[in-house]
Amino acid sequence: MNLGFLASHRGSNLQAVLDACEAGTLPATPRVLITNNPSAEAIQRAQSAGMATHVLNSVTHVDPDALDSAIHTALTDAHCNLIVLAGYMKMIGPRVLREFRNRIVNIHPALLPRFGGKGMYGIHVHRAVIASGARVSGVSVHLVDEEYDHGRILAQAEVPVYPNDTPEALAERVLRKEHEFLPAVLAQIAKNQIAL
């Protein structure tokens, strides 16, 4: 299984997947990273793993269709058959969605369908979880479609919410869970234990 990644910032989930590939617990080959952010730490992580990297955004491609095509080309040139969104803060274009239908997965820092959708990312999610009074949060790995955090849920894992939790403390616990859960779910996909 050849993996393509889209990430916008630190790339800590990317690193967790790279580590699992290196350790042999995830039978996959990381091929390419695409980022919209030329300052993303994910670039260095990918380059250290010998992956191709591309900065593709509205500056490099003003026309959205041209950007969509450039992302599609980078993924197909790298022979990717599964795309992983690891903290990617942009919508996926229609060509990529069409050509990679049911082969794009995202990890979301809450138990979907609650606490998902436009504007629900990062610390905003954890603030909303705590404000709701929920006693459990978690992570969701789901297929990507035309709407934010909307595609079919493939797997979820719970993370407790404590009575005096802060959004920052909850975010740290959820991120730790993401780092172990995403590679495990990808391994299940690679072994056909989770059907796409």
N, C-alpha and C. Protein backbone atom coordinates (compact mmCIF):
# COMPACT_ATOMS: atom_id res chain seq x y z
N MET A 1 0.86 -1.18 0.00
CA MET A 1 0.00 0.00 0.00
C MET A 1 0.90 1.23 0.00
N ASN A 2 0.74 2.07 -1.00
CA ASN A 2 1.51 3.31 -1.12
C ASN A 2 0.70 4.47 -0.55
N LEU A 3 1.29 5.18 0.39
CA LEU A 3 0.59 6.24 1.11
C LEU A 3 0.99 7.62 0.61
N GLY A 4 0.01 8.47 0.40
CA GLY A 4 0.21 9.89 0.17
C GLY A 4 -0.37 10.64 1.35
N PHE A 5 0.27 11.71 1.75
CA PHE A 5 -0.17 12.48 2.92
C PHE A 5 -0.43 13.92 2.53
N LEU A 6 -1.44 14.51 3.15
CA LEU A 6 -1.66 15.95 3.09
C LEU A 6 -1.66 16.45 4.53
N ALA A 7 -0.82 17.44 4.81
CA ALA A 7 -0.70 17.98 6.17
C ALA A 7 -0.42 19.47 6.06
N SER A 8 -0.82 20.21 7.08
CA SER A 8 -0.66 21.66 7.07
C SER A 8 0.30 22.21 8.12
N HIS A 9 0.60 21.43 9.16
CA HIS A 9 1.39 22.02 10.24
C HIS A 9 2.50 21.09 10.72
N ARG A 10 2.42 20.65 11.98
CA ARG A 10 3.52 19.91 12.60
C ARG A 10 3.78 18.56 11.98
N GLY A 11 2.73 17.86 11.63
CA GLY A 11 2.91 16.53 11.06
C GLY A 11 3.21 15.47 12.10
N SER A 12 2.69 15.62 13.32
CA SER A 12 2.98 14.61 14.34
C SER A 12 2.26 13.29 14.02
N ASN A 13 1.08 13.35 13.42
CA ASN A 13 0.42 12.11 12.99
C ASN A 13 1.17 11.48 11.82
N LEU A 14 1.68 12.30 10.92
CA LEU A 14 2.54 11.80 9.85
C LEU A 14 3.71 11.05 10.45
N GLN A 15 4.36 11.63 11.46
CA GLN A 15 5.52 10.99 12.08
C GLN A 15 5.13 9.66 12.72
N ALA A 16 3.97 9.61 13.36
CA ALA A 16 3.52 8.35 13.97
C ALA A 16 3.35 7.26 12.91
N VAL A 17 2.83 7.63 11.75
CA VAL A 17 2.66 6.65 10.66
C VAL A 17 4.02 6.26 10.10
N LEU A 18 4.91 7.22 9.91
CA LEU A 18 6.26 6.91 9.42
C LEU A 18 6.97 5.96 10.37
N ASP A 19 6.84 6.20 11.67
CA ASP A 19 7.48 5.33 12.66
C ASP A 19 6.92 3.91 12.58
N ALA A 20 5.61 3.79 12.39
CA ALA A 20 4.99 2.47 12.29
C ALA A 20 5.44 1.74 11.03
N CYS A 21 5.59 2.47 9.94
CA CYS A 21 6.11 1.86 8.70
C CYS A 21 7.54 1.37 8.91
N GLU A 22 8.35 2.20 9.54
CA GLU A 22 9.75 1.86 9.80
C GLU A 22 9.86 0.65 10.72
N ALA A 23 8.97 0.57 11.71
CA ALA A 23 9.00 -0.54 12.67
C ALA A 23 8.43 -1.83 12.09
N GLY A 24 7.74 -1.73 10.96
CA GLY A 24 7.16 -2.91 10.34
C GLY A 24 5.77 -3.26 10.84
N THR A 25 5.20 -2.44 11.70
CA THR A 25 3.85 -2.71 12.20
C THR A 25 2.77 -2.23 11.23
N LEU A 26 3.15 -1.39 10.28
CA LEU A 26 2.25 -0.92 9.24
C LEU A 26 2.86 -1.30 7.89
N PRO A 27 2.27 -2.29 7.20
CA PRO A 27 2.82 -2.73 5.92
C PRO A 27 2.45 -1.77 4.79
N ALA A 28 3.16 -0.65 4.74
CA ALA A 28 2.87 0.39 3.75
C ALA A 28 4.15 1.15 3.44
N THR A 29 4.12 1.84 2.30
CA THR A 29 5.26 2.65 1.87
C THR A 29 4.82 4.11 1.77
N PRO A 30 5.36 4.99 2.62
CA PRO A 30 5.07 6.42 2.51
C PRO A 30 5.73 6.98 1.25
N ARG A 31 4.95 7.61 0.37
CA ARG A 31 5.48 8.03 -0.92
C ARG A 31 5.63 9.54 -1.07
N VAL A 32 4.64 10.31 -0.61
CA VAL A 32 4.66 11.74 -0.91
C VAL A 32 3.90 12.50 0.17
N LEU A 33 4.39 13.73 0.44
CA LEU A 33 3.69 14.68 1.30
C LEU A 33 3.33 15.89 0.47
N ILE A 34 2.09 16.31 0.58
CA ILE A 34 1.63 17.56 -0.01
C ILE A 34 1.19 18.46 1.13
N THR A 35 1.66 19.69 1.11
CA THR A 35 1.26 20.65 2.13
C THR A 35 0.90 21.97 1.48
N ASN A 36 0.00 22.69 2.10
CA ASN A 36 -0.34 24.04 1.66
C ASN A 36 0.52 25.09 2.34
N ASN A 37 1.33 24.67 3.31
CA ASN A 37 2.07 25.59 4.17
C ASN A 37 3.58 25.40 3.99
N PRO A 38 4.26 26.36 3.36
CA PRO A 38 5.70 26.19 3.13
C PRO A 38 6.53 26.14 4.41
N SER A 39 5.95 26.53 5.55
CA SER A 39 6.67 26.48 6.83
C SER A 39 6.30 25.27 7.67
N ALA A 40 5.52 24.36 7.14
CA ALA A 40 5.06 23.20 7.91
C ALA A 40 6.23 22.33 8.36
N GLU A 41 6.23 21.96 9.63
CA GLU A 41 7.24 21.03 10.15
C GLU A 41 7.13 19.67 9.47
N ALA A 42 5.96 19.36 8.96
CA ALA A 42 5.74 18.07 8.28
C ALA A 42 6.70 17.89 7.11
N ILE A 43 7.12 18.97 6.47
CA ILE A 43 8.03 18.87 5.32
C ILE A 43 9.34 18.22 5.75
N GLN A 44 9.92 18.69 6.84
CA GLN A 44 11.19 18.11 7.32
C GLN A 44 11.01 16.65 7.72
N ARG A 45 9.90 16.34 8.36
CA ARG A 45 9.64 14.95 8.74
C ARG A 45 9.60 14.05 7.50
N ALA A 46 8.90 14.50 6.47
CA ALA A 46 8.78 13.71 5.24
C ALA A 46 10.12 13.58 4.53
N GLN A 47 10.85 14.68 4.44
CA GLN A 47 12.15 14.64 3.77
C GLN A 47 13.12 13.73 4.51
N SER A 48 13.07 13.73 5.83
CA SER A 48 13.93 12.85 6.62
C SER A 48 13.63 11.38 6.35
N ALA A 49 12.39 11.10 5.95
CA ALA A 49 11.98 9.72 5.63
C ALA A 49 12.20 9.39 4.15
N GLY A 50 12.77 10.33 3.40
CA GLY A 50 13.04 10.09 1.99
C GLY A 50 11.85 10.25 1.07
N MET A 51 10.82 10.92 1.57
CA MET A 51 9.61 11.12 0.76
C MET A 51 9.73 12.36 -0.11
N ALA A 52 9.05 12.33 -1.25
CA ALA A 52 8.90 13.53 -2.07
C ALA A 52 7.98 14.50 -1.33
N THR A 53 8.23 15.79 -1.48
CA THR A 53 7.38 16.80 -0.84
C THR A 53 7.00 17.86 -1.87
N HIS A 54 5.78 18.36 -1.73
CA HIS A 54 5.28 19.40 -2.63
C HIS A 54 4.53 20.44 -1.80
N VAL A 55 4.83 21.71 -2.03
CA VAL A 55 4.04 22.80 -1.46
C VAL A 55 3.10 23.26 -2.57
N LEU A 56 1.82 23.00 -2.37
CA LEU A 56 0.79 23.33 -3.36
C LEU A 56 -0.33 24.08 -2.65
N ASN A 57 -0.58 25.31 -3.09
CA ASN A 57 -1.58 26.13 -2.42
C ASN A 57 -2.11 27.19 -3.38
N SER A 58 -2.89 28.13 -2.86
CA SER A 58 -3.49 29.16 -3.71
C SER A 58 -2.48 30.20 -4.17
N VAL A 59 -1.27 30.16 -3.65
CA VAL A 59 -0.20 31.03 -4.16
C VAL A 59 0.47 30.36 -5.35
N THR A 60 0.77 29.07 -5.23
CA THR A 60 1.41 28.35 -6.34
C THR A 60 0.43 28.10 -7.48
N HIS A 61 -0.86 28.02 -7.17
CA HIS A 61 -1.90 27.77 -8.17
C HIS A 61 -3.12 28.62 -7.80
N VAL A 62 -3.24 29.79 -8.43
CA VAL A 62 -4.32 30.72 -8.09
C VAL A 62 -5.69 30.11 -8.43
N ASP A 63 -5.77 29.41 -9.53
CA ASP A 63 -7.02 28.79 -9.96
C ASP A 63 -7.27 27.50 -9.16
N PRO A 64 -8.41 27.39 -8.47
CA PRO A 64 -8.68 26.18 -7.67
C PRO A 64 -8.64 24.88 -8.47
N ASP A 65 -9.09 24.91 -9.72
CA ASP A 65 -9.05 23.70 -10.54
C ASP A 65 -7.61 23.29 -10.85
N ALA A 66 -6.75 24.28 -11.07
CA ALA A 66 -5.34 23.99 -11.33
C ALA A 66 -4.68 23.41 -10.08
N LEU A 67 -5.04 23.92 -8.91
CA LEU A 67 -4.52 23.38 -7.66
C LEU A 67 -4.98 21.94 -7.47
N ASP A 68 -6.24 21.69 -7.69
CA ASP A 68 -6.80 20.34 -7.59
C ASP A 68 -6.05 19.39 -8.53
N SER A 69 -5.81 19.83 -9.76
CA SER A 69 -5.09 19.00 -10.73
C SER A 69 -3.65 18.76 -10.31
N ALA A 70 -3.00 19.78 -9.75
CA ALA A 70 -1.61 19.62 -9.30
C ALA A 70 -1.51 18.61 -8.16
N ILE A 71 -2.46 18.67 -7.23
CA ILE A 71 -2.47 17.70 -6.12
C ILE A 71 -2.72 16.30 -6.68
N HIS A 72 -3.67 16.19 -7.59
CA HIS A 72 -3.96 14.89 -8.22
C HIS A 72 -2.71 14.34 -8.91
N THR A 73 -2.01 15.17 -9.65
CA THR A 73 -0.81 14.73 -10.37
C THR A 73 0.27 14.27 -9.40
N ALA A 74 0.48 15.02 -8.32
CA ALA A 74 1.51 14.63 -7.34
C ALA A 74 1.18 13.27 -6.72
N LEU A 75 -0.08 13.02 -6.45
CA LEU A 75 -0.49 11.75 -5.84
C LEU A 75 -0.39 10.59 -6.84
N THR A 76 -0.81 10.83 -8.07
CA THR A 76 -0.75 9.75 -9.06
C THR A 76 0.68 9.47 -9.49
N ASP A 77 1.50 10.52 -9.62
CA ASP A 77 2.91 10.31 -9.98
C ASP A 77 3.64 9.48 -8.93
N ALA A 78 3.20 9.58 -7.68
CA ALA A 78 3.82 8.81 -6.59
C ALA A 78 3.17 7.43 -6.42
N HIS A 79 2.23 7.10 -7.31
CA HIS A 79 1.55 5.79 -7.30
C HIS A 79 0.85 5.51 -5.97
N CYS A 80 0.23 6.56 -5.40
CA CYS A 80 -0.47 6.40 -4.12
C CYS A 80 -1.80 5.68 -4.34
N ASN A 81 -2.10 4.74 -3.45
CA ASN A 81 -3.42 4.12 -3.49
C ASN A 81 -4.22 4.35 -2.21
N LEU A 82 -3.64 5.05 -1.25
CA LEU A 82 -4.39 5.52 -0.08
C LEU A 82 -3.84 6.88 0.31
N ILE A 83 -4.75 7.83 0.53
CA ILE A 83 -4.37 9.19 0.89
C ILE A 83 -4.77 9.41 2.35
N VAL A 84 -3.85 9.97 3.13
CA VAL A 84 -4.09 10.22 4.55
C VAL A 84 -4.04 11.72 4.80
N LEU A 85 -5.13 12.27 5.31
CA LEU A 85 -5.15 13.67 5.74
C LEU A 85 -4.72 13.69 7.19
N ALA A 86 -3.58 14.30 7.45
CA ALA A 86 -3.00 14.32 8.79
C ALA A 86 -2.86 15.78 9.22
N GLY A 87 -3.99 16.36 9.62
CA GLY A 87 -3.98 17.76 10.00
C GLY A 87 -3.93 18.68 8.80
N TYR A 88 -4.65 18.33 7.75
CA TYR A 88 -4.72 19.16 6.54
C TYR A 88 -5.90 20.10 6.68
N MET A 89 -5.65 21.40 6.58
CA MET A 89 -6.65 22.41 6.90
C MET A 89 -7.38 22.96 5.69
N LYS A 90 -7.41 22.22 4.61
CA LYS A 90 -8.09 22.68 3.39
C LYS A 90 -9.06 21.61 2.90
N MET A 91 -10.05 22.05 2.14
CA MET A 91 -10.97 21.10 1.49
C MET A 91 -10.23 20.42 0.34
N ILE A 92 -10.60 19.18 0.09
CA ILE A 92 -10.05 18.43 -1.03
C ILE A 92 -10.88 18.76 -2.27
N GLY A 93 -10.19 18.99 -3.38
CA GLY A 93 -10.87 19.37 -4.62
C GLY A 93 -11.64 18.23 -5.26
N PRO A 94 -12.54 18.57 -6.18
CA PRO A 94 -13.42 17.56 -6.77
C PRO A 94 -12.70 16.49 -7.59
N ARG A 95 -11.62 16.86 -8.29
CA ARG A 95 -10.92 15.84 -9.08
C ARG A 95 -10.26 14.81 -8.18
N VAL A 96 -9.58 15.27 -7.14
CA VAL A 96 -8.93 14.33 -6.22
C VAL A 96 -9.99 13.46 -5.55
N LEU A 97 -11.09 14.07 -5.12
CA LEU A 97 -12.17 13.30 -4.49
C LEU A 97 -12.72 12.24 -5.45
N ARG A 98 -12.90 12.61 -6.70
CA ARG A 98 -13.45 11.67 -7.68
C ARG A 98 -12.47 10.54 -7.98
N GLU A 99 -11.23 10.89 -8.24
CA GLU A 99 -10.24 9.89 -8.66
C GLU A 99 -9.78 8.99 -7.51
N PHE A 100 -9.89 9.48 -6.28
CA PHE A 100 -9.47 8.69 -5.12
C PHE A 100 -10.67 8.38 -4.21
N ARG A 101 -11.85 8.26 -4.79
CA ARG A 101 -13.07 7.99 -4.03
C ARG A 101 -12.88 6.75 -3.15
N ASN A 102 -13.24 6.88 -1.88
CA ASN A 102 -13.11 5.81 -0.89
C ASN A 102 -11.67 5.37 -0.66
N ARG A 103 -10.73 6.24 -0.99
CA ARG A 103 -9.32 5.96 -0.72
C ARG A 103 -8.64 7.15 -0.05
N ILE A 104 -9.43 8.04 0.54
CA ILE A 104 -8.91 9.18 1.29
C ILE A 104 -9.46 9.07 2.71
N VAL A 105 -8.57 9.05 3.69
CA VAL A 105 -8.99 8.97 5.08
C VAL A 105 -8.50 10.19 5.85
N ASN A 106 -9.27 10.55 6.85
CA ASN A 106 -8.93 11.68 7.72
C ASN A 106 -9.02 11.21 9.17
N ILE A 107 -8.20 11.81 10.02
CA ILE A 107 -8.35 11.58 11.45
C ILE A 107 -8.87 12.86 12.07
N HIS A 108 -9.92 12.72 12.90
CA HIS A 108 -10.58 13.86 13.52
C HIS A 108 -10.51 13.70 15.03
N PRO A 109 -10.22 14.79 15.77
CA PRO A 109 -10.00 14.69 17.22
C PRO A 109 -11.26 14.71 18.07
N ALA A 110 -12.27 13.97 17.67
CA ALA A 110 -13.51 13.83 18.45
C ALA A 110 -14.27 12.63 17.91
N LEU A 111 -15.33 12.27 18.62
CA LEU A 111 -16.17 11.16 18.19
C LEU A 111 -17.26 11.68 17.26
N LEU A 112 -17.02 11.58 15.97
CA LEU A 112 -18.01 12.00 14.99
C LEU A 112 -19.25 11.11 15.11
N PRO A 113 -20.43 11.60 14.78
CA PRO A 113 -20.69 12.84 14.05
C PRO A 113 -20.75 14.11 14.91
N ARG A 114 -20.65 13.97 16.23
CA ARG A 114 -20.62 15.17 17.07
C ARG A 114 -19.28 15.88 16.93
N PHE A 115 -19.28 17.17 17.09
CA PHE A 115 -18.06 17.99 17.14
C PHE A 115 -17.26 17.90 15.85
N GLY A 116 -17.97 17.87 14.72
CA GLY A 116 -17.32 17.88 13.42
C GLY A 116 -17.92 18.97 12.55
N GLY A 117 -17.35 19.14 11.38
CA GLY A 117 -17.86 20.12 10.43
C GLY A 117 -16.96 21.33 10.33
N LYS A 118 -17.37 22.28 9.52
CA LYS A 118 -16.58 23.48 9.27
C LYS A 118 -16.29 24.21 10.57
N GLY A 119 -15.04 24.59 10.77
CA GLY A 119 -14.63 25.31 11.97
C GLY A 119 -14.30 24.42 13.15
N MET A 120 -14.57 23.13 13.03
CA MET A 120 -14.30 22.19 14.13
C MET A 120 -12.95 21.51 13.89
N TYR A 121 -11.91 22.17 14.34
CA TYR A 121 -10.56 21.62 14.23
C TYR A 121 -9.77 22.10 15.44
N GLY A 122 -8.70 21.36 15.74
CA GLY A 122 -7.79 21.76 16.80
C GLY A 122 -8.50 22.05 18.12
N ILE A 123 -8.06 23.11 18.76
CA ILE A 123 -8.54 23.44 20.10
C ILE A 123 -10.04 23.77 20.11
N HIS A 124 -10.58 24.20 18.97
CA HIS A 124 -12.02 24.50 18.89
C HIS A 124 -12.85 23.26 19.21
N VAL A 125 -12.39 22.11 18.74
CA VAL A 125 -13.10 20.85 19.01
C VAL A 125 -13.12 20.58 20.50
N HIS A 126 -11.97 20.70 21.15
CA HIS A 126 -11.86 20.34 22.57
C HIS A 126 -12.63 21.32 23.45
N ARG A 127 -12.66 22.59 23.07
CA ARG A 127 -13.49 23.56 23.80
C ARG A 127 -14.96 23.17 23.71
N ALA A 128 -15.40 22.79 22.51
CA ALA A 128 -16.80 22.41 22.32
C ALA A 128 -17.15 21.15 23.10
N VAL A 129 -16.25 20.18 23.13
CA VAL A 129 -16.50 18.95 23.87
C VAL A 129 -16.69 19.26 25.36
N ILE A 130 -15.77 20.05 25.92
CA ILE A 130 -15.85 20.39 27.34
C ILE A 130 -17.10 21.22 27.63
N ALA A 131 -17.40 22.19 26.78
CA ALA A 131 -18.58 23.03 26.98
C ALA A 131 -19.87 22.22 26.93
N SER A 132 -19.87 21.12 26.20
CA SER A 132 -21.08 20.30 26.07
C SER A 132 -21.36 19.46 27.31
N GLY A 133 -20.34 19.31 28.17
CA GLY A 133 -20.50 18.45 29.34
C GLY A 133 -20.26 16.98 29.06
N ALA A 134 -19.78 16.66 27.86
CA ALA A 134 -19.51 15.26 27.50
C ALA A 134 -18.47 14.68 28.45
N ARG A 135 -18.64 13.42 28.81
CA ARG A 135 -17.69 12.72 29.68
C ARG A 135 -16.68 11.90 28.88
N VAL A 136 -16.92 11.79 27.57
CA VAL A 136 -16.04 11.02 26.71
C VAL A 136 -15.82 11.79 25.42
N SER A 137 -14.57 11.84 24.99
CA SER A 137 -14.25 12.33 23.66
C SER A 137 -13.52 11.20 22.95
N GLY A 138 -12.70 11.54 21.98
CA GLY A 138 -11.97 10.47 21.31
C GLY A 138 -11.46 10.89 19.95
N VAL A 139 -11.20 9.90 19.11
CA VAL A 139 -10.72 10.14 17.76
C VAL A 139 -11.55 9.30 16.79
N SER A 140 -11.69 9.83 15.59
CA SER A 140 -12.42 9.13 14.52
C SER A 140 -11.55 9.11 13.28
N VAL A 141 -11.47 7.95 12.65
CA VAL A 141 -10.87 7.84 11.32
C VAL A 141 -12.03 7.58 10.37
N HIS A 142 -12.13 8.44 9.34
CA HIS A 142 -13.27 8.35 8.43
C HIS A 142 -12.85 8.59 7.00
N LEU A 143 -13.68 8.12 6.08
CA LEU A 143 -13.47 8.42 4.67
C LEU A 143 -13.82 9.87 4.41
N VAL A 144 -13.17 10.46 3.43
CA VAL A 144 -13.37 11.87 3.11
C VAL A 144 -14.31 11.99 1.92
N ASP A 145 -15.27 12.91 2.05
CA ASP A 145 -16.15 13.22 0.92
C ASP A 145 -16.21 14.74 0.76
N GLU A 146 -17.27 15.23 0.12
CA GLU A 146 -17.35 16.65 -0.23
C GLU A 146 -17.64 17.56 0.96
N GLU A 147 -17.97 17.02 2.12
CA GLU A 147 -18.29 17.82 3.29
C GLU A 147 -17.25 17.59 4.38
N TYR A 148 -17.03 18.61 5.21
CA TYR A 148 -16.09 18.47 6.33
C TYR A 148 -16.56 17.38 7.29
N ASP A 149 -15.67 16.45 7.61
CA ASP A 149 -15.90 15.44 8.66
C ASP A 149 -17.20 14.66 8.47
N HIS A 150 -17.52 14.34 7.24
CA HIS A 150 -18.82 13.77 6.93
C HIS A 150 -18.78 12.33 6.45
N GLY A 151 -17.71 11.87 5.86
CA GLY A 151 -17.66 10.55 5.24
C GLY A 151 -17.83 9.42 6.24
N ARG A 152 -17.99 8.21 5.68
CA ARG A 152 -18.24 7.02 6.50
C ARG A 152 -17.15 6.83 7.55
N ILE A 153 -17.56 6.61 8.79
CA ILE A 153 -16.62 6.38 9.90
C ILE A 153 -16.08 4.96 9.80
N LEU A 154 -14.75 4.84 9.81
CA LEU A 154 -14.10 3.53 9.71
C LEU A 154 -13.79 2.96 11.08
N ALA A 155 -13.38 3.81 12.02
CA ALA A 155 -13.01 3.34 13.36
C ALA A 155 -12.99 4.53 14.31
N GLN A 156 -13.25 4.25 15.59
CA GLN A 156 -13.21 5.28 16.62
C GLN A 156 -12.58 4.71 17.89
N ALA A 157 -11.98 5.60 18.65
CA ALA A 157 -11.42 5.23 19.95
C ALA A 157 -11.78 6.32 20.94
N GLU A 158 -12.11 5.91 22.15
CA GLU A 158 -12.54 6.86 23.18
C GLU A 158 -11.37 7.38 24.00
N VAL A 159 -11.54 8.61 24.47
CA VAL A 159 -10.61 9.26 25.40
C VAL A 159 -11.47 9.89 26.48
N PRO A 160 -11.16 9.66 27.77
CA PRO A 160 -12.01 10.23 28.82
C PRO A 160 -11.88 11.75 28.91
N VAL A 161 -12.97 12.37 29.33
CA VAL A 161 -12.98 13.79 29.66
C VAL A 161 -13.12 13.87 31.18
N TYR A 162 -12.18 14.53 31.84
CA TYR A 162 -12.18 14.59 33.30
C TYR A 162 -12.94 15.82 33.79
N PRO A 163 -13.46 15.78 35.04
CA PRO A 163 -14.31 16.87 35.54
C PRO A 163 -13.69 18.27 35.44
N ASN A 164 -12.41 18.41 35.72
CA ASN A 164 -11.79 19.73 35.69
C ASN A 164 -10.88 19.90 34.48
N ASP A 165 -11.18 19.20 33.39
CA ASP A 165 -10.35 19.25 32.20
C ASP A 165 -10.28 20.65 31.60
N THR A 166 -9.15 20.95 31.00
CA THR A 166 -9.02 22.13 30.15
C THR A 166 -8.97 21.66 28.70
N PRO A 167 -9.30 22.54 27.77
CA PRO A 167 -9.18 22.14 26.36
C PRO A 167 -7.77 21.69 26.01
N GLU A 168 -6.78 22.34 26.60
CA GLU A 168 -5.38 22.00 26.29
C GLU A 168 -5.01 20.61 26.81
N ALA A 169 -5.45 20.28 28.02
CA ALA A 169 -5.15 18.96 28.59
C ALA A 169 -5.86 17.86 27.79
N LEU A 170 -7.11 18.11 27.43
CA LEU A 170 -7.85 17.14 26.62
C LEU A 170 -7.18 16.98 25.26
N ALA A 171 -6.76 18.09 24.67
CA ALA A 171 -6.09 18.03 23.36
C ALA A 171 -4.85 17.15 23.42
N GLU A 172 -4.07 17.26 24.49
CA GLU A 172 -2.86 16.43 24.62
C GLU A 172 -3.20 14.95 24.69
N ARG A 173 -4.23 14.60 25.48
CA ARG A 173 -4.62 13.19 25.59
C ARG A 173 -5.16 12.65 24.27
N VAL A 174 -5.96 13.46 23.60
CA VAL A 174 -6.52 13.02 22.32
C VAL A 174 -5.40 12.84 21.29
N LEU A 175 -4.44 13.76 21.26
CA LEU A 175 -3.34 13.65 20.30
C LEU A 175 -2.51 12.39 20.55
N ARG A 176 -2.27 12.07 21.81
CA ARG A 176 -1.55 10.82 22.12
C ARG A 176 -2.31 9.61 21.58
N LYS A 177 -3.63 9.64 21.73
CA LYS A 177 -4.46 8.54 21.21
C LYS A 177 -4.39 8.51 19.68
N GLU A 178 -4.42 9.67 19.04
CA GLU A 178 -4.31 9.73 17.57
C GLU A 178 -3.03 9.05 17.10
N HIS A 179 -1.93 9.31 17.80
CA HIS A 179 -0.63 8.79 17.38
C HIS A 179 -0.56 7.27 17.42
N GLU A 180 -1.30 6.64 18.33
CA GLU A 180 -1.32 5.17 18.35
C GLU A 180 -2.43 4.62 17.47
N PHE A 181 -3.55 5.35 17.37
CA PHE A 181 -4.73 4.82 16.69
C PHE A 181 -4.63 4.89 15.16
N LEU A 182 -4.13 6.01 14.62
CA LEU A 182 -4.07 6.16 13.17
C LEU A 182 -3.22 5.07 12.52
N PRO A 183 -1.99 4.82 12.98
CA PRO A 183 -1.21 3.74 12.36
C PRO A 183 -1.89 2.38 12.49
N ALA A 184 -2.56 2.13 13.62
CA ALA A 184 -3.24 0.85 13.82
C ALA A 184 -4.39 0.68 12.83
N VAL A 185 -5.16 1.74 12.61
CA VAL A 185 -6.27 1.66 11.66
C VAL A 185 -5.74 1.50 10.24
N LEU A 186 -4.68 2.23 9.89
CA LEU A 186 -4.09 2.08 8.56
C LEU A 186 -3.58 0.66 8.34
N ALA A 187 -3.02 0.05 9.39
CA ALA A 187 -2.56 -1.33 9.28
C ALA A 187 -3.73 -2.27 9.02
N GLN A 188 -4.86 -2.01 9.67
CA GLN A 188 -6.06 -2.84 9.43
C GLN A 188 -6.55 -2.67 7.99
N ILE A 189 -6.47 -1.46 7.47
CA ILE A 189 -6.85 -1.23 6.07
C ILE A 189 -5.89 -1.98 5.14
N ALA A 190 -4.60 -1.89 5.42
CA ALA A 190 -3.60 -2.56 4.58
C ALA A 190 -3.80 -4.07 4.55
N LYS A 191 -4.28 -4.62 5.67
CA LYS A 191 -4.48 -6.08 5.78
C LYS A 191 -5.91 -6.49 5.41
N ASN A 192 -6.67 -5.54 4.84
CA ASN A 192 -8.06 -5.79 4.45
C ASN A 192 -8.95 -6.20 5.62
N GLN A 193 -8.60 -5.75 6.82
CA GLN A 193 -9.44 -6.00 7.99
C GLN A 193 -10.50 -4.92 8.16
N ILE A 194 -10.28 -3.78 7.51
CA ILE A 194 -11.29 -2.72 7.41
C ILE A 194 -11.50 -2.49 5.92
N ALA A 195 -12.74 -2.63 5.48
CA ALA A 195 -13.05 -2.45 4.06
C ALA A 195 -13.31 -0.97 3.77
N LEU A 196 -12.75 -0.51 2.67
CA LEU A 196 -13.01 0.86 2.24
C LEU A 196 -14.15 0.86 1.29
